[in-house]
């Protein structure tokens, strides 16, 4: 049975990969592994070593700390982000103008309250 931390880190890899619009196959090619290996990382069935996590963070242009954000105590479940949330994040991230992107984020925050 996978360790909860491995499951959490794998879930964060999947979310970061999806937010970049990258397939498991594309990430695997960047890392020099098969897409099946990427699947195992994302499910937490195969642990990700520190050097591999470093490579993943570089390939996804994501700070390594991202993979440990919102980690729960060992043994507790954390739900995955809905696909629409990932898609929305991807769209917001694609806005090149920082001012416009911040305005969109502020609008979303205002609507959420």
PDB file of N, CA and C in Angstrom:
ATOM      1  N   UNK A   1       0.853  -1.182   0.000  1.00  0.00           N
ATOM      2  CA  UNK A   1       0.000   0.000   0.000  1.00  0.00           C
ATOM      3  C   UNK A   1       0.899   1.246   0.000  1.00  0.00           C
ATOM      4  N   UNK A   2       0.615   2.189  -0.903  1.00  0.00           N
ATOM      5  CA  UNK A   2       1.461   3.385  -0.987  1.00  0.00           C
ATOM      6  C   UNK A   2       1.367   4.251   0.276  1.00  0.00           C
ATOM      7  N   UNK A   3       2.459   4.873   0.619  1.00  0.00           N
ATOM      8  CA  UNK A   3       2.500   5.790   1.749  1.00  0.00           C
ATOM      9  C   UNK A   3       1.699   7.052   1.386  1.00  0.00           C
ATOM     10  N   UNK A   4       0.935   7.626   2.318  1.00  0.00           N
ATOM     11  CA  UNK A   4       0.128   8.820   2.029  1.00  0.00           C
ATOM     12  C   UNK A   4       0.948   9.985   1.459  1.00  0.00           C
ATOM     13  N   UNK A   5       2.196  10.126   1.883  1.00  0.00           N
ATOM     14  CA  UNK A   5       3.032  11.204   1.343  1.00  0.00           C
ATOM     15  C   UNK A   5       3.339  10.959  -0.128  1.00  0.00           C
ATOM     16  N   UNK A   6       3.602   9.710  -0.495  1.00  0.00           N
ATOM     17  CA  UNK A   6       3.863   9.378  -1.894  1.00  0.00           C
ATOM     18  C   UNK A   6       2.621   9.636  -2.753  1.00  0.00           C
ATOM     19  N   UNK A   7       1.454   9.314  -2.214  1.00  0.00           N
ATOM     20  CA  UNK A   7       0.193   9.567  -2.914  1.00  0.00           C
ATOM     21  C   UNK A   7      -0.008  11.068  -3.102  1.00  0.00           C
ATOM     22  N   UNK A   8       0.258  11.842  -2.052  1.00  0.00           N
ATOM     23  CA  UNK A   8       0.095  13.301  -2.124  1.00  0.00           C
ATOM     24  C   UNK A   8       1.028  13.911  -3.167  1.00  0.00           C
ATOM     25  N   UNK A   9       2.306  13.551  -3.113  1.00  0.00           N
ATOM     26  CA  UNK A   9       3.282  14.089  -4.066  1.00  0.00           C
ATOM     27  C   UNK A   9       2.895  13.676  -5.491  1.00  0.00           C
ATOM     28  N   UNK A  10       2.481  12.441  -5.674  1.00  0.00           N
ATOM     29  CA  UNK A  10       2.043  11.979  -6.989  1.00  0.00           C
ATOM     30  C   UNK A  10       0.854  12.769  -7.511  1.00  0.00           C
ATOM     31  N   UNK A  11      -0.089  13.051  -6.615  1.00  0.00           N
ATOM     32  CA  UNK A  11      -1.269  13.838  -6.991  1.00  0.00           C
ATOM     33  C   UNK A  11      -0.853  15.240  -7.424  1.00  0.00           C
ATOM     34  N   UNK A  12       0.100  15.827  -6.700  1.00  0.00           N
ATOM     35  CA  UNK A  12       0.575  17.160  -7.056  1.00  0.00           C
ATOM     36  C   UNK A  12       1.314  17.146  -8.393  1.00  0.00           C
ATOM     37  N   UNK A  13       2.038  16.061  -8.686  1.00  0.00           N
ATOM     38  CA  UNK A  13       2.696  15.932  -9.985  1.00  0.00           C
ATOM     39  C   UNK A  13       1.629  15.917 -11.080  1.00  0.00           C
ATOM     40  N   UNK A  14       0.580  15.125 -10.877  1.00  0.00           N
ATOM     41  CA  UNK A  14      -0.498  15.050 -11.872  1.00  0.00           C
ATOM     42  C   UNK A  14      -1.148  16.409 -12.084  1.00  0.00           C
ATOM     43  N   UNK A  15      -1.423  17.120 -10.991  1.00  0.00           N
ATOM     44  CA  UNK A  15      -2.064  18.430 -11.105  1.00  0.00           C
ATOM     45  C   UNK A  15      -1.174  19.431 -11.835  1.00  0.00           C
ATOM     46  N   UNK A  16       0.118  19.430 -11.518  1.00  0.00           N
ATOM     47  CA  UNK A  16       1.047  20.359 -12.175  1.00  0.00           C
ATOM     48  C   UNK A  16       1.193  20.005 -13.652  1.00  0.00           C
ATOM     49  N   UNK A  17       1.252  18.722 -13.953  1.00  0.00           N
ATOM     50  CA  UNK A  17       1.372  18.281 -15.342  1.00  0.00           C
ATOM     51  C   UNK A  17       0.138  18.673 -16.143  1.00  0.00           C
ATOM     52  N   UNK A  18      -1.037  18.433 -15.565  1.00  0.00           N
ATOM     53  CA  UNK A  18      -2.286  18.772 -16.252  1.00  0.00           C
ATOM     54  C   UNK A  18      -2.421  20.279 -16.432  1.00  0.00           C
ATOM     55  N   UNK A  19      -2.002  21.042 -15.432  1.00  0.00           N
ATOM     56  CA  UNK A  19      -2.078  22.502 -15.529  1.00  0.00           C
ATOM     57  C   UNK A  19      -1.204  23.036 -16.656  1.00  0.00           C
ATOM     58  N   UNK A  20      -0.127  22.328 -16.957  1.00  0.00           N
ATOM     59  CA  UNK A  20       0.765  22.721 -18.060  1.00  0.00           C
ATOM     60  C   UNK A  20       0.267  22.185 -19.403  1.00  0.00           C
ATOM     61  N   UNK A  21      -0.807  21.389 -19.376  1.00  0.00           N
ATOM     62  CA  UNK A  21      -1.321  20.814 -20.617  1.00  0.00           C
ATOM     63  C   UNK A  21      -0.409  19.752 -21.199  1.00  0.00           C
ATOM     64  N   UNK A  22       0.330  19.084 -20.324  1.00  0.00           N
ATOM     65  CA  UNK A  22       1.311  18.093 -20.753  1.00  0.00           C
ATOM     66  C   UNK A  22       0.755  16.692 -20.507  1.00  0.00           C
ATOM     67  N   UNK A  23       0.976  15.794 -21.449  1.00  0.00           N
ATOM     68  CA  UNK A  23       0.541  14.410 -21.277  1.00  0.00           C
ATOM     69  C   UNK A  23       1.560  13.644 -20.439  1.00  0.00           C
ATOM     70  N   UNK A  24       1.144  12.489 -19.956  1.00  0.00           N
ATOM     71  CA  UNK A  24       2.068  11.619 -19.229  1.00  0.00           C
ATOM     72  C   UNK A  24       3.207  11.190 -20.147  1.00  0.00           C
ATOM     73  N   UNK A  25       2.893  10.957 -21.398  1.00  0.00           N
ATOM     74  CA  UNK A  25       3.914  10.553 -22.362  1.00  0.00           C
ATOM     75  C   UNK A  25       4.943  11.669 -22.555  1.00  0.00           C
ATOM     76  N   UNK A  26       4.477  12.907 -22.663  1.00  0.00           N
ATOM     77  CA  UNK A  26       5.407  14.033 -22.845  1.00  0.00           C
ATOM     78  C   UNK A  26       6.319  14.190 -21.631  1.00  0.00           C
ATOM     79  N   UNK A  27       5.739  14.107 -20.432  1.00  0.00           N
ATOM     80  CA  UNK A  27       6.553  14.222 -19.225  1.00  0.00           C
ATOM     81  C   UNK A  27       7.552  13.067 -19.162  1.00  0.00           C
ATOM     82  N   UNK A  28       7.096  11.881 -19.483  1.00  0.00           N
ATOM     83  CA  UNK A  28       7.988  10.721 -19.483  1.00  0.00           C
ATOM     84  C   UNK A  28       9.182  10.910 -20.412  1.00  0.00           C
ATOM     85  N   UNK A  29       8.924  11.456 -21.592  1.00  0.00           N
ATOM     86  CA  UNK A  29      10.028  11.698 -22.536  1.00  0.00           C
ATOM     87  C   UNK A  29      11.027  12.690 -21.970  1.00  0.00           C
ATOM     88  N   UNK A  30      10.525  13.750 -21.321  1.00  0.00           N
ATOM     89  CA  UNK A  30      11.431  14.732 -20.718  1.00  0.00           C
ATOM     90  C   UNK A  30      12.273  14.125 -19.602  1.00  0.00           C
ATOM     91  N   UNK A  31      11.693  13.142 -18.904  1.00  0.00           N
ATOM     92  CA  UNK A  31      12.386  12.511 -17.781  1.00  0.00           C
ATOM     93  C   UNK A  31      13.182  11.281 -18.201  1.00  0.00           C
ATOM     94  N   UNK A  32      12.950  10.796 -19.419  1.00  0.00           N
ATOM     95  CA  UNK A  32      13.627   9.582 -19.872  1.00  0.00           C
ATOM     96  C   UNK A  32      13.030   8.315 -19.288  1.00  0.00           C
ATOM     97  N   UNK A  33      11.713   8.348 -19.014  1.00  0.00           N
ATOM     98  CA  UNK A  33      11.010   7.168 -18.499  1.00  0.00           C
ATOM     99  C   UNK A  33       9.738   6.957 -19.331  1.00  0.00           C
ATOM    100  N   UNK A  34       9.104   5.816 -19.163  1.00  0.00           N
ATOM    101  CA  UNK A  34       7.877   5.515 -19.891  1.00  0.00           C
ATOM    102  C   UNK A  34       6.695   6.261 -19.272  1.00  0.00           C
ATOM    103  N   UNK A  35       5.616   6.386 -20.050  1.00  0.00           N
ATOM    104  CA  UNK A  35       4.424   7.010 -19.489  1.00  0.00           C
ATOM    105  C   UNK A  35       3.835   6.147 -18.377  1.00  0.00           C
ATOM    106  N   UNK A  36       4.080   4.826 -18.451  1.00  0.00           N
ATOM    107  CA  UNK A  36       3.612   3.947 -17.371  1.00  0.00           C
ATOM    108  C   UNK A  36       4.309   4.281 -16.054  1.00  0.00           C
ATOM    109  N   UNK A  37       5.595   4.637 -16.145  1.00  0.00           N
ATOM    110  CA  UNK A  37       6.330   5.028 -14.941  1.00  0.00           C
ATOM    111  C   UNK A  37       5.746   6.315 -14.380  1.00  0.00           C
ATOM    112  N   UNK A  38       5.412   7.262 -15.262  1.00  0.00           N
ATOM    113  CA  UNK A  38       4.792   8.520 -14.813  1.00  0.00           C
ATOM    114  C   UNK A  38       3.468   8.208 -14.124  1.00  0.00           C
ATOM    115  N   UNK A  39       2.679   7.279 -14.680  1.00  0.00           N
ATOM    116  CA  UNK A  39       1.414   6.875 -14.052  1.00  0.00           C
ATOM    117  C   UNK A  39       1.657   6.345 -12.637  1.00  0.00           C
ATOM    118  N   UNK A  40       2.676   5.520 -12.486  1.00  0.00           N
ATOM    119  CA  UNK A  40       2.988   4.949 -11.174  1.00  0.00           C
ATOM    120  C   UNK A  40       3.419   6.037 -10.190  1.00  0.00           C
ATOM    121  N   UNK A  41       4.187   7.023 -10.669  1.00  0.00           N
ATOM    122  CA  UNK A  41       4.544   8.159  -9.812  1.00  0.00           C
ATOM    123  C   UNK A  41       3.290   8.902  -9.375  1.00  0.00           C
ATOM    124  N   UNK A  42       2.407   9.170 -10.325  1.00  0.00           N
ATOM    125  CA  UNK A  42       1.216   9.958 -10.033  1.00  0.00           C
ATOM    126  C   UNK A  42       0.248   9.243  -9.094  1.00  0.00           C
ATOM    127  N   UNK A  43       0.221   7.932  -9.143  1.00  0.00           N
ATOM    128  CA  UNK A  43      -0.641   7.159  -8.238  1.00  0.00           C
ATOM    129  C   UNK A  43       0.009   6.953  -6.872  1.00  0.00           C
ATOM    130  N   UNK A  44       1.319   7.193  -6.799  1.00  0.00           N
ATOM    131  CA  UNK A  44       2.026   6.978  -5.545  1.00  0.00           C
ATOM    132  C   UNK A  44       2.472   5.547  -5.355  1.00  0.00           C
ATOM    133  N   UNK A  45       2.251   4.697  -6.364  1.00  0.00           N
ATOM    134  CA  UNK A  45       2.669   3.296  -6.226  1.00  0.00           C
ATOM    135  C   UNK A  45       4.176   3.151  -6.335  1.00  0.00           C
ATOM    136  N   UNK A  46       4.816   4.039  -7.081  1.00  0.00           N
ATOM    137  CA  UNK A  46       6.284   4.101  -7.109  1.00  0.00           C
ATOM    138  C   UNK A  46       6.716   5.415  -6.485  1.00  0.00           C
ATOM    139  N   UNK A  47       7.591   5.319  -5.510  1.00  0.00           N
ATOM    140  CA  UNK A  47       8.094   6.533  -4.862  1.00  0.00           C
ATOM    141  C   UNK A  47       8.958   7.332  -5.826  1.00  0.00           C
ATOM    142  N   UNK A  48       8.923   8.635  -5.626  1.00  0.00           N
ATOM    143  CA  UNK A  48       9.748   9.524  -6.436  1.00  0.00           C
ATOM    144  C   UNK A  48      10.955   9.922  -5.603  1.00  0.00           C
ATOM    145  N   UNK A  49      12.148   9.553  -6.075  1.00  0.00           N
ATOM    146  CA  UNK A  49      13.375   9.928  -5.379  1.00  0.00           C
ATOM    147  C   UNK A  49      13.610  11.432  -5.481  1.00  0.00           C
ATOM    148  N   UNK A  50      14.470  11.941  -4.640  1.00  0.00           N
ATOM    149  CA  UNK A  50      14.704  13.391  -4.598  1.00  0.00           C
ATOM    150  C   UNK A  50      15.252  13.927  -5.917  1.00  0.00           C
ATOM    151  N   UNK A  51      16.168  13.212  -6.550  1.00  0.00           N
ATOM    152  CA  UNK A  51      16.713  13.704  -7.823  1.00  0.00           C
ATOM    153  C   UNK A  51      15.653  13.658  -8.918  1.00  0.00           C
ATOM    154  N   UNK A  52      14.795  12.647  -8.888  1.00  0.00           N
ATOM    155  CA  UNK A  52      13.719  12.547  -9.876  1.00  0.00           C
ATOM    156  C   UNK A  52      12.703  13.670  -9.641  1.00  0.00           C
ATOM    157  N   UNK A  53      12.387  13.963  -8.381  1.00  0.00           N
ATOM    158  CA  UNK A  53      11.446  15.049  -8.087  1.00  0.00           C
ATOM    159  C   UNK A  53      12.032  16.383  -8.554  1.00  0.00           C
ATOM    160  N   UNK A  54      13.330  16.540  -8.401  1.00  0.00           N
ATOM    161  CA  UNK A  54      14.001  17.751  -8.898  1.00  0.00           C
ATOM    162  C   UNK A  54      13.814  17.861 -10.411  1.00  0.00           C
ATOM    163  N   UNK A  55      14.032  16.743 -11.122  1.00  0.00           N
ATOM    164  CA  UNK A  55      13.855  16.727 -12.574  1.00  0.00           C
ATOM    165  C   UNK A  55      12.405  17.035 -12.963  1.00  0.00           C
ATOM    166  N   UNK A  56      11.457  16.485 -12.217  1.00  0.00           N
ATOM    167  CA  UNK A  56      10.036  16.739 -12.486  1.00  0.00           C
ATOM    168  C   UNK A  56       9.714  18.218 -12.284  1.00  0.00           C
ATOM    169  N   UNK A  57      10.237  18.795 -11.211  1.00  0.00           N
ATOM    170  CA  UNK A  57       9.955  20.221 -10.950  1.00  0.00           C
ATOM    171  C   UNK A  57      10.516  21.092 -12.065  1.00  0.00           C
ATOM    172  N   UNK A  58      11.676  20.744 -12.596  1.00  0.00           N
ATOM    173  CA  UNK A  58      12.274  21.499 -13.704  1.00  0.00           C
ATOM    174  C   UNK A  58      11.461  21.298 -14.988  1.00  0.00           C
ATOM    175  N   UNK A  59      11.063  20.060 -15.265  1.00  0.00           N
ATOM    176  CA  UNK A  59      10.299  19.760 -16.483  1.00  0.00           C
ATOM    177  C   UNK A  59       8.947  20.469 -16.477  1.00  0.00           C
ATOM    178  N   UNK A  60       8.349  20.585 -15.293  1.00  0.00           N
ATOM    179  CA  UNK A  60       7.029  21.226 -15.182  1.00  0.00           C
ATOM    180  C   UNK A  60       7.124  22.707 -14.831  1.00  0.00           C
ATOM    181  N   UNK A  61       8.363  23.193 -14.703  1.00  0.00           N
ATOM    182  CA  UNK A  61       8.600  24.598 -14.345  1.00  0.00           C
ATOM    183  C   UNK A  61       7.787  24.977 -13.100  1.00  0.00           C
ATOM    184  N   UNK A  62       7.921  24.126 -12.088  1.00  0.00           N
ATOM    185  CA  UNK A  62       7.165  24.251 -10.843  1.00  0.00           C
ATOM    186  C   UNK A  62       8.137  24.180  -9.674  1.00  0.00           C
ATOM    187  N   UNK A  63       8.008  25.085  -8.699  1.00  0.00           N
ATOM    188  CA  UNK A  63       8.906  25.004  -7.537  1.00  0.00           C
ATOM    189  C   UNK A  63       8.755  23.659  -6.833  1.00  0.00           C
ATOM    190  N   UNK A  64       9.846  23.117  -6.372  1.00  0.00           N
ATOM    191  CA  UNK A  64       9.808  21.801  -5.733  1.00  0.00           C
ATOM    192  C   UNK A  64       8.923  21.815  -4.485  1.00  0.00           C
ATOM    193  N   UNK A  65       8.809  22.961  -3.837  1.00  0.00           N
ATOM    194  CA  UNK A  65       7.952  23.066  -2.644  1.00  0.00           C
ATOM    195  C   UNK A  65       6.482  22.841  -2.965  1.00  0.00           C
ATOM    196  N   UNK A  66       6.095  23.085  -4.218  1.00  0.00           N
ATOM    197  CA  UNK A  66       4.697  22.900  -4.629  1.00  0.00           C
ATOM    198  C   UNK A  66       4.207  21.490  -4.320  1.00  0.00           C
ATOM    199  N   UNK A  67       5.069  20.508  -4.496  1.00  0.00           N
ATOM    200  CA  UNK A  67       4.664  19.119  -4.350  1.00  0.00           C
ATOM    201  C   UNK A  67       4.357  18.733  -2.901  1.00  0.00           C
ATOM    202  N   UNK A  68       4.745  19.594  -1.960  1.00  0.00           N
ATOM    203  CA  UNK A  68       4.482  19.323  -0.548  1.00  0.00           C
ATOM    204  C   UNK A  68       3.466  20.295   0.055  1.00  0.00           C
ATOM    205  N   UNK A  69       2.959  21.220  -0.755  1.00  0.00           N
ATOM    206  CA  UNK A  69       1.962  22.160  -0.253  1.00  0.00           C
ATOM    207  C   UNK A  69       0.699  21.413   0.143  1.00  0.00           C
ATOM    208  N   UNK A  70       0.080  21.888   1.205  1.00  0.00           N
ATOM    209  CA  UNK A  70      -1.203  21.367   1.688  1.00  0.00           C
ATOM    210  C   UNK A  70      -1.153  19.886   2.044  1.00  0.00           C
ATOM    211  N   UNK A  71       0.035  19.410   2.392  1.00  0.00           N
ATOM    212  CA  UNK A  71       0.144  17.996   2.754  1.00  0.00           C
ATOM    213  C   UNK A  71      -0.537  17.790   4.103  1.00  0.00           C
ATOM    214  N   UNK A  72      -1.275  16.726   4.188  1.00  0.00           N
ATOM    215  CA  UNK A  72      -2.007  16.394   5.412  1.00  0.00           C
ATOM    216  C   UNK A  72      -1.169  15.457   6.270  1.00  0.00           C
ATOM    217  N   UNK A  73      -1.601  15.284   7.481  1.00  0.00           N
ATOM    218  CA  UNK A  73      -0.935  14.322   8.357  1.00  0.00           C
ATOM    219  C   UNK A  73      -1.000  12.947   7.717  1.00  0.00           C
ATOM    220  N   UNK A  74       0.001  12.144   7.942  1.00  0.00           N
ATOM    221  CA  UNK A  74       0.045  10.797   7.376  1.00  0.00           C
ATOM    222  C   UNK A  74      -1.222  10.036   7.727  1.00  0.00           C
ATOM    223  N   UNK A  75      -1.779   9.372   6.730  1.00  0.00           N
ATOM    224  CA  UNK A  75      -2.961   8.545   6.960  1.00  0.00           C
ATOM    225  C   UNK A  75      -4.266   9.243   6.663  1.00  0.00           C
ATOM    226  N   UNK A  76      -4.259  10.534   6.377  1.00  0.00           N
ATOM    227  CA  UNK A  76      -5.512  11.215   6.059  1.00  0.00           C
ATOM    228  C   UNK A  76      -5.614  11.396   4.561  1.00  0.00           C
ATOM    229  N   UNK A  77      -6.812  11.406   4.080  1.00  0.00           N
ATOM    230  CA  UNK A  77      -7.057  11.561   2.652  1.00  0.00           C
ATOM    231  C   UNK A  77      -7.152  13.036   2.294  1.00  0.00           C
ATOM    232  N   UNK A  78      -6.685  13.356   1.127  1.00  0.00           N
ATOM    233  CA  UNK A  78      -6.854  14.692   0.581  1.00  0.00           C
ATOM    234  C   UNK A  78      -7.455  14.522  -0.792  1.00  0.00           C
ATOM    235  N   UNK A  79      -8.498  15.275  -1.085  1.00  0.00           N
ATOM    236  CA  UNK A  79      -9.134  15.080  -2.373  1.00  0.00           C
ATOM    237  C   UNK A  79      -8.361  15.775  -3.477  1.00  0.00           C
ATOM    238  N   UNK A  80      -8.526  15.232  -4.631  1.00  0.00           N
ATOM    239  CA  UNK A  80      -7.888  15.761  -5.816  1.00  0.00           C
ATOM    240  C   UNK A  80      -8.676  16.963  -6.327  1.00  0.00           C
ATOM    241  N   UNK A  81      -7.994  17.862  -6.999  1.00  0.00           N
ATOM    242  CA  UNK A  81      -8.685  19.004  -7.589  1.00  0.00           C
ATOM    243  C   UNK A  81      -9.561  18.540  -8.740  1.00  0.00           C
ATOM    244  N   UNK A  82     -10.766  19.113  -8.851  1.00  0.00           N
ATOM    245  CA  UNK A  82     -11.614  18.775 -10.003  1.00  0.00           C
ATOM    246  C   UNK A  82     -10.939  19.217 -11.300  1.00  0.00           C
ATOM    247  N   UNK A  83     -11.220  18.494 -12.368  1.00  0.00           N
ATOM    248  CA  UNK A  83     -10.629  18.793 -13.671  1.00  0.00           C
ATOM    249  C   UNK A  83     -10.918  20.226 -14.087  1.00  0.00           C
ATOM    250  N   UNK A  84     -12.131  20.728 -13.814  1.00  0.00           N
ATOM    251  CA  UNK A  84     -12.455  22.103 -14.226  1.00  0.00           C
ATOM    252  C   UNK A  84     -11.584  23.123 -13.496  1.00  0.00           C
ATOM    253  N   UNK A  85     -11.192  22.830 -12.263  1.00  0.00           N
ATOM    254  CA  UNK A  85     -10.303  23.723 -11.524  1.00  0.00           C
ATOM    255  C   UNK A  85      -8.928  23.754 -12.177  1.00  0.00           C
ATOM    256  N   UNK A  86      -8.449  22.594 -12.570  1.00  0.00           N
ATOM    257  CA  UNK A  86      -7.151  22.516 -13.242  1.00  0.00           C
ATOM    258  C   UNK A  86      -7.213  23.247 -14.579  1.00  0.00           C
ATOM    259  N   UNK A  87      -8.305  23.050 -15.312  1.00  0.00           N
ATOM    260  CA  UNK A  87      -8.463  23.730 -16.604  1.00  0.00           C
ATOM    261  C   UNK A  87      -8.507  25.243 -16.421  1.00  0.00           C
ATOM    262  N   UNK A  88      -9.230  25.713 -15.394  1.00  0.00           N
ATOM    263  CA  UNK A  88      -9.309  27.145 -15.131  1.00  0.00           C
ATOM    264  C   UNK A  88      -7.927  27.701 -14.788  1.00  0.00           C
ATOM    265  N   UNK A  89      -7.191  26.983 -13.956  1.00  0.00           N
ATOM    266  CA  UNK A  89      -5.838  27.418 -13.593  1.00  0.00           C
ATOM    267  C   UNK A  89      -4.947  27.491 -14.826  1.00  0.00           C
ATOM    268  N   UNK A  90      -5.095  26.527 -15.719  1.00  0.00           N
ATOM    269  CA  UNK A  90      -4.314  26.504 -16.952  1.00  0.00           C
ATOM    270  C   UNK A  90      -4.635  27.729 -17.814  1.00  0.00           C
ATOM    271  N   UNK A  91      -5.915  28.059 -17.917  1.00  0.00           N
ATOM    272  CA  UNK A  91      -6.326  29.216 -18.712  1.00  0.00           C
ATOM    273  C   UNK A  91      -5.819  30.521 -18.100  1.00  0.00           C
ATOM    274  N   UNK A  92      -5.930  30.637 -16.785  1.00  0.00           N
ATOM    275  CA  UNK A  92      -5.444  31.845 -16.112  1.00  0.00           C
ATOM    276  C   UNK A  92      -3.938  31.970 -16.289  1.00  0.00           C
ATOM    277  N   UNK A  93      -3.230  30.859 -16.153  1.00  0.00           N
ATOM    278  CA  UNK A  93      -1.774  30.867 -16.298  1.00  0.00           C
ATOM    279  C   UNK A  93      -1.340  31.257 -17.712  1.00  0.00           C
ATOM    280  N   UNK A  94      -2.213  31.036 -18.693  1.00  0.00           N
ATOM    281  CA  UNK A  94      -1.859  31.356 -20.086  1.00  0.00           C
ATOM    282  C   UNK A  94      -2.013  32.843 -20.404  1.00  0.00           C
ATOM    283  N   UNK A  95      -2.618  33.621 -19.503  1.00  0.00           N
ATOM    284  CA  UNK A  95      -2.746  35.063 -19.722  1.00  0.00           C
ATOM    285  C   UNK A  95      -1.372  35.694 -19.532  1.00  0.00           C
ATOM    286  N   UNK A  96      -0.853  36.274 -20.589  1.00  0.00           N
ATOM    287  CA  UNK A  96       0.522  36.796 -20.549  1.00  0.00           C
ATOM    288  C   UNK A  96       0.647  38.106 -19.800  1.00  0.00           C
ATOM    289  N   UNK A  97      -0.365  38.961 -19.875  1.00  0.00           N
ATOM    290  CA  UNK A  97      -0.322  40.271 -19.228  1.00  0.00           C
ATOM    291  C   UNK A  97      -0.566  40.097 -17.727  1.00  0.00           C
ATOM    292  N   UNK A  98       0.465  40.404 -16.908  1.00  0.00           N
ATOM    293  CA  UNK A  98       0.353  40.244 -15.452  1.00  0.00           C
ATOM    294  C   UNK A  98      -0.809  41.036 -14.868  1.00  0.00           C
ATOM    295  N   UNK A  99      -1.021  42.235 -15.355  1.00  0.00           N
ATOM    296  CA  UNK A  99      -2.097  43.086 -14.847  1.00  0.00           C
ATOM    297  C   UNK A  99      -3.457  42.450 -15.123  1.00  0.00           C
ATOM    298  N   UNK A 100      -3.659  41.974 -16.344  1.00  0.00           N
ATOM    299  CA  UNK A 100      -4.927  41.331 -16.703  1.00  0.00           C
ATOM    300  C   UNK A 100      -5.115  40.057 -15.883  1.00  0.00           C
ATOM    301  N   UNK A 101      -4.051  39.250 -15.755  1.00  0.00           N
ATOM    302  CA  UNK A 101      -4.139  38.015 -14.975  1.00  0.00           C
ATOM    303  C   UNK A 101      -4.537  38.315 -13.528  1.00  0.00           C
ATOM    304  N   UNK A 102      -3.935  39.352 -12.934  1.00  0.00           N
ATOM    305  CA  UNK A 102      -4.274  39.722 -11.555  1.00  0.00           C
ATOM    306  C   UNK A 102      -5.712  40.221 -11.449  1.00  0.00           C
ATOM    307  N   UNK A 103      -6.178  40.944 -12.456  1.00  0.00           N
ATOM    308  CA  UNK A 103      -7.565  41.406 -12.445  1.00  0.00           C
ATOM    309  C   UNK A 103      -8.536  40.235 -12.508  1.00  0.00           C
ATOM    310  N   UNK A 104      -8.213  39.242 -13.335  1.00  0.00           N
ATOM    311  CA  UNK A 104      -9.050  38.049 -13.430  1.00  0.00           C
ATOM    312  C   UNK A 104      -9.076  37.325 -12.083  1.00  0.00           C
ATOM    313  N   UNK A 105      -7.925  37.173 -11.460  1.00  0.00           N
ATOM    314  CA  UNK A 105      -7.859  36.509 -10.151  1.00  0.00           C
ATOM    315  C   UNK A 105      -8.654  37.289  -9.109  1.00  0.00           C
ATOM    316  N   UNK A 106      -8.559  38.609  -9.128  1.00  0.00           N
ATOM    317  CA  UNK A 106      -9.311  39.427  -8.165  1.00  0.00           C
ATOM    318  C   UNK A 106     -10.809  39.292  -8.410  1.00  0.00           C
ATOM    319  N   UNK A 107     -11.226  39.207  -9.677  1.00  0.00           N
ATOM    320  CA  UNK A 107     -12.649  39.005  -9.989  1.00  0.00           C
ATOM    321  C   UNK A 107     -13.134  37.662  -9.441  1.00  0.00           C
ATOM    322  N   UNK A 108     -12.334  36.625  -9.636  1.00  0.00           N
ATOM    323  CA  UNK A 108     -12.713  35.305  -9.123  1.00  0.00           C
ATOM    324  C   UNK A 108     -12.818  35.320  -7.609  1.00  0.00           C
ATOM    325  N   UNK A 109     -11.844  35.956  -6.946  1.00  0.00           N
ATOM    326  CA  UNK A 109     -11.880  36.066  -5.478  1.00  0.00           C
ATOM    327  C   UNK A 109     -13.123  36.804  -5.011  1.00  0.00           C
ATOM    328  N   UNK A 110     -13.476  37.895  -5.700  1.00  0.00           N
ATOM    329  CA  UNK A 110     -14.654  38.687  -5.330  1.00  0.00           C
ATOM    330  C   UNK A 110     -15.931  37.874  -5.505  1.00  0.00           C
ATOM    331  N   UNK A 111     -16.007  37.082  -6.553  1.00  0.00           N
ATOM    332  CA  UNK A 111     -17.197  36.255  -6.795  1.00  0.00           C
ATOM    333  C   UNK A 111     -17.312  35.110  -5.799  1.00  0.00           C
ATOM    334  N   UNK A 112     -16.187  34.670  -5.278  1.00  0.00           N
ATOM    335  CA  UNK A 112     -16.190  33.521  -4.358  1.00  0.00           C
ATOM    336  C   UNK A 112     -16.656  33.883  -2.954  1.00  0.00           C
ATOM    337  N   UNK A 113     -16.704  35.156  -2.647  1.00  0.00           N
ATOM    338  CA  UNK A 113     -17.094  35.562  -1.283  1.00  0.00           C
ATOM    339  C   UNK A 113     -18.553  35.799  -1.155  1.00  0.00           C
TER     340      UNK A 113
END
